[in-house]
Amino acid sequence: MLVTLRDVPADAEIPSHQLLVRGGYIRRIGSGIY
């Protein structure tokens, strides 16, 4: 169930946050909830 993203998520400010979302590690459910 690997879904990777090429584009940087708009709400991800720092590299680790961006890469975890892009790499299919985490997904945001709500503010501060993953």
PDB file of all heavy atoms in Angstrom:
ATOM      1  N   MET A   1       0.840  -1.197   0.000  1.00  0.00           N
ATOM      2  CA  MET A   1       0.000   0.000   0.000  1.00  0.00           C
ATOM      3  C   MET A   1       0.880   1.255   0.000  1.00  0.00           C
ATOM      4  O   MET A   1       0.634   2.216   0.727  1.00  0.00           O
ATOM      5  CB  MET A   1      -0.952   0.016   1.204  1.00  0.00           C
ATOM      6  CG  MET A   1      -2.146   0.973   1.022  1.00  0.00           C
ATOM      7  SD  MET A   1      -3.316   0.936   2.418  1.00  0.00           S
ATOM      8  CE  MET A   1      -2.391   1.809   3.665  1.00  0.00           C
ATOM      9  N   LEU A   2       1.922   1.216  -0.829  1.00  0.00           N
ATOM     10  CA  LEU A   2       2.850   2.337  -0.907  1.00  0.00           C
ATOM     11  C   LEU A   2       2.311   3.386  -1.877  1.00  0.00           C
ATOM     12  O   LEU A   2       2.139   3.123  -3.068  1.00  0.00           O
ATOM     13  CB  LEU A   2       4.224   1.858  -1.375  1.00  0.00           C
ATOM     14  CG  LEU A   2       5.284   2.951  -1.557  1.00  0.00           C
ATOM     15  CD1 LEU A   2       5.612   3.599  -0.213  1.00  0.00           C
ATOM     16  CD2 LEU A   2       6.554   2.380  -2.201  1.00  0.00           C
ATOM     17  N   VAL A   3       2.046   4.577  -1.341  1.00  0.00           N
ATOM     18  CA  VAL A   3       1.591   5.705  -2.160  1.00  0.00           C
ATOM     19  C   VAL A   3       2.534   6.867  -1.875  1.00  0.00           C
ATOM     20  O   VAL A   3       2.520   7.434  -0.780  1.00  0.00           O
ATOM     21  CB  VAL A   3       0.139   6.102  -1.832  1.00  0.00           C
ATOM     22  CG1 VAL A   3      -0.274   7.300  -2.681  1.00  0.00           C
ATOM     23  CG2 VAL A   3      -0.803   4.924  -2.056  1.00  0.00           C
ATOM     24  N   THR A   4       3.377   7.188  -2.842  1.00  0.00           N
ATOM     25  CA  THR A   4       4.327   8.290  -2.664  1.00  0.00           C
ATOM     26  C   THR A   4       3.862   9.517  -3.435  1.00  0.00           C
ATOM     27  O   THR A   4       3.066   9.418  -4.373  1.00  0.00           O
ATOM     28  CB  THR A   4       5.727   7.882  -3.146  1.00  0.00           C
ATOM     29  OG1 THR A   4       5.659   7.512  -4.529  1.00  0.00           O
ATOM     30  CG2 THR A   4       6.262   6.708  -2.333  1.00  0.00           C
ATOM     31  N   LEU A   5       4.349  10.667  -2.998  1.00  0.00           N
ATOM     32  CA  LEU A   5       3.990  11.943  -3.618  1.00  0.00           C
ATOM     33  C   LEU A   5       5.236  12.613  -4.177  1.00  0.00           C
ATOM     34  O   LEU A   5       6.295  12.571  -3.565  1.00  0.00           O
ATOM     35  CB  LEU A   5       3.326  12.874  -2.594  1.00  0.00           C
ATOM     36  CG  LEU A   5       2.097  12.346  -1.849  1.00  0.00           C
ATOM     37  CD1 LEU A   5       1.657  13.359  -0.804  1.00  0.00           C
ATOM     38  CD2 LEU A   5       0.969  12.042  -2.827  1.00  0.00           C
ATOM     39  N   ARG A   6       5.099  13.222  -5.336  1.00  0.00           N
ATOM     40  CA  ARG A   6       6.228  13.952  -5.926  1.00  0.00           C
ATOM     41  C   ARG A   6       6.276  15.390  -5.429  1.00  0.00           C
ATOM     42  O   ARG A   6       7.333  15.986  -5.315  1.00  0.00           O
ATOM     43  CB  ARG A   6       6.125  13.932  -7.463  1.00  0.00           C
ATOM     44  CG  ARG A   6       6.254  12.545  -8.056  1.00  0.00           C
ATOM     45  CD  ARG A   6       7.624  11.938  -7.772  1.00  0.00           C
ATOM     46  NE  ARG A   6       7.643  10.506  -8.107  1.00  0.00           N
ATOM     47  CZ  ARG A   6       8.175   9.581  -7.345  1.00  0.00           C
ATOM     48  NH1 ARG A   6       8.715   9.908  -6.183  1.00  0.00           N
ATOM     49  NH2 ARG A   6       8.166   8.312  -7.715  1.00  0.00           N
ATOM     50  N   ASP A   7       5.103  15.970  -5.137  1.00  0.00           N
ATOM     51  CA  ASP A   7       5.036  17.371  -4.732  1.00  0.00           C
ATOM     52  C   ASP A   7       5.071  17.497  -3.215  1.00  0.00           C
ATOM     53  O   ASP A   7       4.600  16.615  -2.480  1.00  0.00           O
ATOM     54  CB  ASP A   7       3.765  18.024  -5.275  1.00  0.00           C
ATOM     55  CG  ASP A   7       3.736  18.063  -6.793  1.00  0.00           C
ATOM     56  OD1 ASP A   7       4.820  18.215  -7.384  1.00  0.00           O
ATOM     57  OD2 ASP A   7       2.638  17.915  -7.377  1.00  0.00           O
ATOM     58  N   VAL A   8       5.607  18.606  -2.739  1.00  0.00           N
ATOM     59  CA  VAL A   8       5.691  18.883  -1.307  1.00  0.00           C
ATOM     60  C   VAL A   8       4.317  19.317  -0.800  1.00  0.00           C
ATOM     61  O   VAL A   8       3.710  20.236  -1.364  1.00  0.00           O
ATOM     62  CB  VAL A   8       6.725  19.987  -1.016  1.00  0.00           C
ATOM     63  CG1 VAL A   8       6.725  20.355   0.462  1.00  0.00           C
ATOM     64  CG2 VAL A   8       8.115  19.534  -1.461  1.00  0.00           C
ATOM     65  N   PRO A   9       3.788  18.690   0.255  1.00  0.00           N
ATOM     66  CA  PRO A   9       2.488  19.092   0.804  1.00  0.00           C
ATOM     67  C   PRO A   9       2.521  20.540   1.275  1.00  0.00           C
ATOM     68  O   PRO A   9       3.504  21.000   1.854  1.00  0.00           O
ATOM     69  CB  PRO A   9       2.290  18.129   1.983  1.00  0.00           C
ATOM     70  CG  PRO A   9       3.195  16.968   1.684  1.00  0.00           C
ATOM     71  CD  PRO A   9       4.360  17.532   0.955  1.00  0.00           C
ATOM     72  N   ALA A  10       1.443  21.260   1.053  1.00  0.00           N
ATOM     73  CA  ALA A  10       1.398  22.694   1.357  1.00  0.00           C
ATOM     74  C   ALA A  10       1.559  22.977   2.838  1.00  0.00           C
ATOM     75  O   ALA A  10       2.110  24.014   3.222  1.00  0.00           O
ATOM     76  CB  ALA A  10       0.081  23.276   0.850  1.00  0.00           C
ATOM     77  N   ASP A  11       1.092  22.069   3.729  1.00  0.00           N
ATOM     78  CA  ASP A  11       1.133  22.343   5.166  1.00  0.00           C
ATOM     79  C   ASP A  11       2.397  21.821   5.839  1.00  0.00           C
ATOM     80  O   ASP A  11       2.553  21.934   7.046  1.00  0.00           O
ATOM     81  CB  ASP A  11      -0.091  21.734   5.854  1.00  0.00           C
ATOM     82  CG  ASP A  11      -0.109  20.207   5.756  1.00  0.00           C
ATOM     83  OD1 ASP A  11       0.481  19.672   4.796  1.00  0.00           O
ATOM     84  OD2 ASP A  11      -0.712  19.564   6.629  1.00  0.00           O
ATOM     85  N   ALA A  12       3.303  21.231   5.058  1.00  0.00           N
ATOM     86  CA  ALA A  12       4.531  20.657   5.625  1.00  0.00           C
ATOM     87  C   ALA A  12       5.664  21.671   5.525  1.00  0.00           C
ATOM     88  O   ALA A  12       6.107  22.000   4.430  1.00  0.00           O
ATOM     89  CB  ALA A  12       4.897  19.358   4.905  1.00  0.00           C
ATOM     90  N   GLU A  13       6.135  22.159   6.679  1.00  0.00           N
ATOM     91  CA  GLU A  13       7.090  23.256   6.698  1.00  0.00           C
ATOM     92  C   GLU A  13       8.547  22.816   6.735  1.00  0.00           C
ATOM     93  O   GLU A  13       9.421  23.515   6.243  1.00  0.00           O
ATOM     94  CB  GLU A  13       6.828  24.156   7.918  1.00  0.00           C
ATOM     95  CG  GLU A  13       5.436  24.751   7.959  1.00  0.00           C
ATOM     96  CD  GLU A  13       5.211  25.537   9.241  1.00  0.00           C
ATOM     97  OE1 GLU A  13       5.983  26.476   9.486  1.00  0.00           O
ATOM     98  OE2 GLU A  13       4.276  25.204   9.989  1.00  0.00           O
ATOM     99  N   ILE A  14       8.847  21.686   7.367  1.00  0.00           N
ATOM    100  CA  ILE A  14      10.244  21.277   7.525  1.00  0.00           C
ATOM    101  C   ILE A  14      10.487  19.986   6.752  1.00  0.00           C
ATOM    102  O   ILE A  14       9.556  19.220   6.474  1.00  0.00           O
ATOM    103  CB  ILE A  14      10.611  21.109   9.010  1.00  0.00           C
ATOM    104  CG1 ILE A  14       9.734  20.038   9.678  1.00  0.00           C
ATOM    105  CG2 ILE A  14      10.489  22.445   9.743  1.00  0.00           C
ATOM    106  CD1 ILE A  14      10.134  19.751  11.128  1.00  0.00           C
ATOM    107  N   PRO A  15      11.745  19.696   6.389  1.00  0.00           N
ATOM    108  CA  PRO A  15      12.035  18.538   5.530  1.00  0.00           C
ATOM    109  C   PRO A  15      11.496  17.212   6.049  1.00  0.00           C
ATOM    110  O   PRO A  15      10.951  16.414   5.274  1.00  0.00           O
ATOM    111  CB  PRO A  15      13.570  18.529   5.480  1.00  0.00           C
ATOM    112  CG  PRO A  15      13.959  19.954   5.666  1.00  0.00           C
ATOM    113  CD  PRO A  15      12.955  20.516   6.631  1.00  0.00           C
ATOM    114  N   SER A  16      11.640  16.938   7.338  1.00  0.00           N
ATOM    115  CA  SER A  16      11.201  15.643   7.860  1.00  0.00           C
ATOM    116  C   SER A  16       9.695  15.456   7.707  1.00  0.00           C
ATOM    117  O   SER A  16       9.231  14.361   7.359  1.00  0.00           O
ATOM    118  CB  SER A  16      11.601  15.504   9.331  1.00  0.00           C
ATOM    119  OG  SER A  16      11.092  16.588  10.097  1.00  0.00           O
ATOM    120  N   HIS A  17       8.934  16.496   7.955  1.00  0.00           N
ATOM    121  CA  HIS A  17       7.480  16.431   7.778  1.00  0.00           C
ATOM    122  C   HIS A  17       7.148  16.193   6.308  1.00  0.00           C
ATOM    123  O   HIS A  17       6.319  15.339   5.959  1.00  0.00           O
ATOM    124  CB  HIS A  17       6.853  17.730   8.292  1.00  0.00           C
ATOM    125  CG  HIS A  17       5.365  17.740   8.271  1.00  0.00           C
ATOM    126  ND1 HIS A  17       4.621  18.891   8.456  1.00  0.00           N
ATOM    127  CD2 HIS A  17       4.453  16.741   8.061  1.00  0.00           C
ATOM    128  CE1 HIS A  17       3.342  18.592   8.398  1.00  0.00           C
ATOM    129  NE2 HIS A  17       3.203  17.302   8.143  1.00  0.00           N
ATOM    130  N   GLN A  18       7.777  16.935   5.430  1.00  0.00           N
ATOM    131  CA  GLN A  18       7.537  16.793   3.994  1.00  0.00           C
ATOM    132  C   GLN A  18       7.852  15.370   3.521  1.00  0.00           C
ATOM    133  O   GLN A  18       7.058  14.754   2.795  1.00  0.00           O
ATOM    134  CB  GLN A  18       8.409  17.793   3.229  1.00  0.00           C
ATOM    135  CG  GLN A  18       8.080  19.248   3.519  1.00  0.00           C
ATOM    136  CD  GLN A  18       9.138  20.206   3.015  1.00  0.00           C
ATOM    137  OE1 GLN A  18      10.160  19.787   2.455  1.00  0.00           O
ATOM    138  NE2 GLN A  18       8.939  21.495   3.232  1.00  0.00           N
ATOM    139  N   LEU A  19       8.985  14.840   3.951  1.00  0.00           N
ATOM    140  CA  LEU A  19       9.424  13.530   3.460  1.00  0.00           C
ATOM    141  C   LEU A  19       8.579  12.393   4.022  1.00  0.00           C
ATOM    142  O   LEU A  19       8.327  11.402   3.320  1.00  0.00           O
ATOM    143  CB  LEU A  19      10.900  13.313   3.798  1.00  0.00           C
ATOM    144  CG  LEU A  19      11.867  14.229   3.040  1.00  0.00           C
ATOM    145  CD1 LEU A  19      13.278  14.092   3.590  1.00  0.00           C
ATOM    146  CD2 LEU A  19      11.847  13.908   1.546  1.00  0.00           C
ATOM    147  N   LEU A  20       8.128  12.507   5.267  1.00  0.00           N
ATOM    148  CA  LEU A  20       7.295  11.448   5.824  1.00  0.00           C
ATOM    149  C   LEU A  20       5.944  11.382   5.119  1.00  0.00           C
ATOM    150  O   LEU A  20       5.389  10.294   4.918  1.00  0.00           O
ATOM    151  CB  LEU A  20       7.100  11.661   7.327  1.00  0.00           C
ATOM    152  CG  LEU A  20       8.312  11.338   8.201  1.00  0.00           C
ATOM    153  CD1 LEU A  20       8.036  11.705   9.653  1.00  0.00           C
ATOM    154  CD2 LEU A  20       8.693   9.865   8.089  1.00  0.00           C
ATOM    155  N   VAL A  21       5.412  12.539   4.731  1.00  0.00           N
ATOM    156  CA  VAL A  21       4.151  12.539   3.978  1.00  0.00           C
ATOM    157  C   VAL A  21       4.400  12.048   2.555  1.00  0.00           C
ATOM    158  O   VAL A  21       3.682  11.177   2.046  1.00  0.00           O
ATOM    159  CB  VAL A  21       3.514  13.939   3.980  1.00  0.00           C
ATOM    160  CG1 VAL A  21       2.276  13.960   3.089  1.00  0.00           C
ATOM    161  CG2 VAL A  21       3.138  14.358   5.398  1.00  0.00           C
ATOM    162  N   ARG A  22       5.414  12.606   1.904  1.00  0.00           N
ATOM    163  CA  ARG A  22       5.693  12.211   0.518  1.00  0.00           C
ATOM    164  C   ARG A  22       6.062  10.734   0.407  1.00  0.00           C
ATOM    165  O   ARG A  22       5.733  10.072  -0.584  1.00  0.00           O
ATOM    166  CB  ARG A  22       6.833  13.056  -0.047  1.00  0.00           C
ATOM    167  CG  ARG A  22       6.477  14.520  -0.326  1.00  0.00           C
ATOM    168  CD  ARG A  22       7.655  15.236  -0.967  1.00  0.00           C
ATOM    169  NE  ARG A  22       8.095  14.533  -2.155  1.00  0.00           N
ATOM    170  CZ  ARG A  22       9.372  14.408  -2.531  1.00  0.00           C
ATOM    171  NH1 ARG A  22      10.344  14.954  -1.817  1.00  0.00           N
ATOM    172  NH2 ARG A  22       9.678  13.743  -3.626  1.00  0.00           N
ATOM    173  N   GLY A  23       6.749  10.209   1.417  1.00  0.00           N
ATOM    174  CA  GLY A  23       7.190   8.817   1.368  1.00  0.00           C
ATOM    175  C   GLY A  23       6.139   7.808   1.769  1.00  0.00           C
ATOM    176  O   GLY A  23       6.423   6.598   1.798  1.00  0.00           O
ATOM    177  N   GLY A  24       4.927   8.259   2.085  1.00  0.00           N
ATOM    178  CA  GLY A  24       3.864   7.316   2.423  1.00  0.00           C
ATOM    179  C   GLY A  24       3.972   6.768   3.837  1.00  0.00           C
ATOM    180  O   GLY A  24       3.509   5.654   4.111  1.00  0.00           O
ATOM    181  N   TYR A  25       4.556   7.552   4.761  1.00  0.00           N
ATOM    182  CA  TYR A  25       4.700   7.111   6.143  1.00  0.00           C
ATOM    183  C   TYR A  25       3.563   7.596   7.037  1.00  0.00           C
ATOM    184  O   TYR A  25       3.130   6.880   7.940  1.00  0.00           O
ATOM    185  CB  TYR A  25       6.038   7.600   6.712  1.00  0.00           C
ATOM    186  CG  TYR A  25       7.229   6.838   6.199  1.00  0.00           C
ATOM    187  CD1 TYR A  25       7.922   7.255   5.067  1.00  0.00           C
ATOM    188  CD2 TYR A  25       7.671   5.686   6.849  1.00  0.00           C
ATOM    189  CE1 TYR A  25       9.016   6.549   4.596  1.00  0.00           C
ATOM    190  CE2 TYR A  25       8.762   4.975   6.384  1.00  0.00           C
ATOM    191  CZ  TYR A  25       9.436   5.410   5.259  1.00  0.00           C
ATOM    192  OH  TYR A  25      10.519   4.705   4.795  1.00  0.00           O
ATOM    193  N   ILE A  26       3.108   8.819   6.825  1.00  0.00           N
ATOM    194  CA  ILE A  26       2.049   9.384   7.656  1.00  0.00           C
ATOM    195  C   ILE A  26       1.055  10.132   6.773  1.00  0.00           C
ATOM    196  O   ILE A  26       1.380  10.531   5.651  1.00  0.00           O
ATOM    197  CB  ILE A  26       2.595  10.341   8.735  1.00  0.00           C
ATOM    198  CG1 ILE A  26       3.315  11.538   8.093  1.00  0.00           C
ATOM    199  CG2 ILE A  26       3.508   9.603   9.706  1.00  0.00           C
ATOM    200  CD1 ILE A  26       3.766  12.598   9.094  1.00  0.00           C
ATOM    201  N   ARG A  27      -0.156  10.305   7.281  1.00  0.00           N
ATOM    202  CA  ARG A  27      -1.158  11.125   6.621  1.00  0.00           C
ATOM    203  C   ARG A  27      -1.891  11.936   7.678  1.00  0.00           C
ATOM    204  O   ARG A  27      -2.235  11.439   8.752  1.00  0.00           O
ATOM    205  CB  ARG A  27      -2.171  10.273   5.838  1.00  0.00           C
ATOM    206  CG  ARG A  27      -1.698   9.807   4.480  1.00  0.00           C
ATOM    207  CD  ARG A  27      -1.492  10.959   3.499  1.00  0.00           C
ATOM    208  NE  ARG A  27      -1.158  10.484   2.170  1.00  0.00           N
ATOM    209  CZ  ARG A  27       0.063  10.200   1.742  1.00  0.00           C
ATOM    210  NH1 ARG A  27       1.084  10.335   2.559  1.00  0.00           N
ATOM    211  NH2 ARG A  27       0.270   9.787   0.506  1.00  0.00           N
ATOM    212  N   ARG A  28      -2.150  13.202   7.351  1.00  0.00           N
ATOM    213  CA  ARG A  28      -2.843  14.101   8.273  1.00  0.00           C
ATOM    214  C   ARG A  28      -4.339  13.788   8.281  1.00  0.00           C
ATOM    215  O   ARG A  28      -4.966  13.708   7.232  1.00  0.00           O
ATOM    216  CB  ARG A  28      -2.606  15.551   7.844  1.00  0.00           C
ATOM    217  CG  ARG A  28      -3.243  16.605   8.739  1.00  0.00           C
ATOM    218  CD  ARG A  28      -2.902  17.990   8.189  1.00  0.00           C
ATOM    219  NE  ARG A  28      -3.404  19.078   9.006  1.00  0.00           N
ATOM    220  CZ  ARG A  28      -4.617  19.592   8.916  1.00  0.00           C
ATOM    221  NH1 ARG A  28      -5.476  19.111   8.008  1.00  0.00           N
ATOM    222  NH2 ARG A  28      -4.994  20.578   9.700  1.00  0.00           N
ATOM    223  N   ILE A  29      -4.896  13.635   9.480  1.00  0.00           N
ATOM    224  CA  ILE A  29      -6.321  13.394   9.654  1.00  0.00           C
ATOM    225  C   ILE A  29      -7.031  14.663  10.105  1.00  0.00           C
ATOM    226  O   ILE A  29      -8.170  14.936   9.745  1.00  0.00           O
ATOM    227  CB  ILE A  29      -6.564  12.261  10.671  1.00  0.00           C
ATOM    228  CG1 ILE A  29      -5.858  10.977  10.204  1.00  0.00           C
ATOM    229  CG2 ILE A  29      -8.051  12.015  10.878  1.00  0.00           C
ATOM    230  CD1 ILE A  29      -6.328  10.461   8.856  1.00  0.00           C
ATOM    231  N   GLY A  30      -6.353  15.443  10.913  1.00  0.00           N
ATOM    232  CA  GLY A  30      -6.873  16.719  11.416  1.00  0.00           C
ATOM    233  C   GLY A  30      -5.710  17.527  11.932  1.00  0.00           C
ATOM    234  O   GLY A  30      -4.551  17.096  11.876  1.00  0.00           O
ATOM    235  N   SER A  31      -5.966  18.709  12.458  1.00  0.00           N
ATOM    236  CA  SER A  31      -4.907  19.571  12.965  1.00  0.00           C
ATOM    237  C   SER A  31      -4.139  18.876  14.086  1.00  0.00           C
ATOM    238  O   SER A  31      -4.691  18.582  15.148  1.00  0.00           O
ATOM    239  CB  SER A  31      -5.500  20.882  13.483  1.00  0.00           C
ATOM    240  OG  SER A  31      -4.498  21.698  14.038  1.00  0.00           O
ATOM    241  N   GLY A  32      -2.866  18.581  13.830  1.00  0.00           N
ATOM    242  CA  GLY A  32      -2.036  17.929  14.827  1.00  0.00           C
ATOM    243  C   GLY A  32      -2.349  16.468  15.051  1.00  0.00           C
ATOM    244  O   GLY A  32      -1.894  15.873  16.033  1.00  0.00           O
ATOM    245  N   ILE A  33      -3.116  15.856  14.144  1.00  0.00           N
ATOM    246  CA  ILE A  33      -3.525  14.453  14.283  1.00  0.00           C
ATOM    247  C   ILE A  33      -3.112  13.699  13.019  1.00  0.00           C
ATOM    248  O   ILE A  33      -3.517  14.068  11.912  1.00  0.00           O
ATOM    249  CB  ILE A  33      -5.048  14.326  14.493  1.00  0.00           C
ATOM    250  CG1 ILE A  33      -5.480  15.174  15.691  1.00  0.00           C
ATOM    251  CG2 ILE A  33      -5.454  12.870  14.688  1.00  0.00           C
ATOM    252  CD1 ILE A  33      -6.989  15.294  15.834  1.00  0.00           C
ATOM    253  N   TYR A  34      -2.318  12.640  13.197  1.00  0.00           N
ATOM    254  CA  TYR A  34      -1.772  11.907  12.055  1.00  0.00           C
ATOM    255  C   TYR A  34      -2.002  10.410  12.191  1.00  0.00           C
ATOM    256  O   TYR A  34      -1.993   9.858  13.302  1.00  0.00           O
ATOM    257  CB  TYR A  34      -0.262  12.173  11.925  1.00  0.00           C
ATOM    258  CG  TYR A  34       0.034  13.560  11.401  1.00  0.00           C
ATOM    259  CD1 TYR A  34       0.057  14.650  12.258  1.00  0.00           C
ATOM    260  CD2 TYR A  34       0.240  13.789  10.040  1.00  0.00           C
ATOM    261  CE1 TYR A  34       0.290  15.934  11.789  1.00  0.00           C
ATOM    262  CE2 TYR A  34       0.475  15.059   9.560  1.00  0.00           C
ATOM    263  CZ  TYR A  34       0.497  16.135  10.432  1.00  0.00           C
ATOM    264  OH  TYR A  34       0.722  17.393   9.946  1.00  0.00           O
TER     265      TYR A  34
END
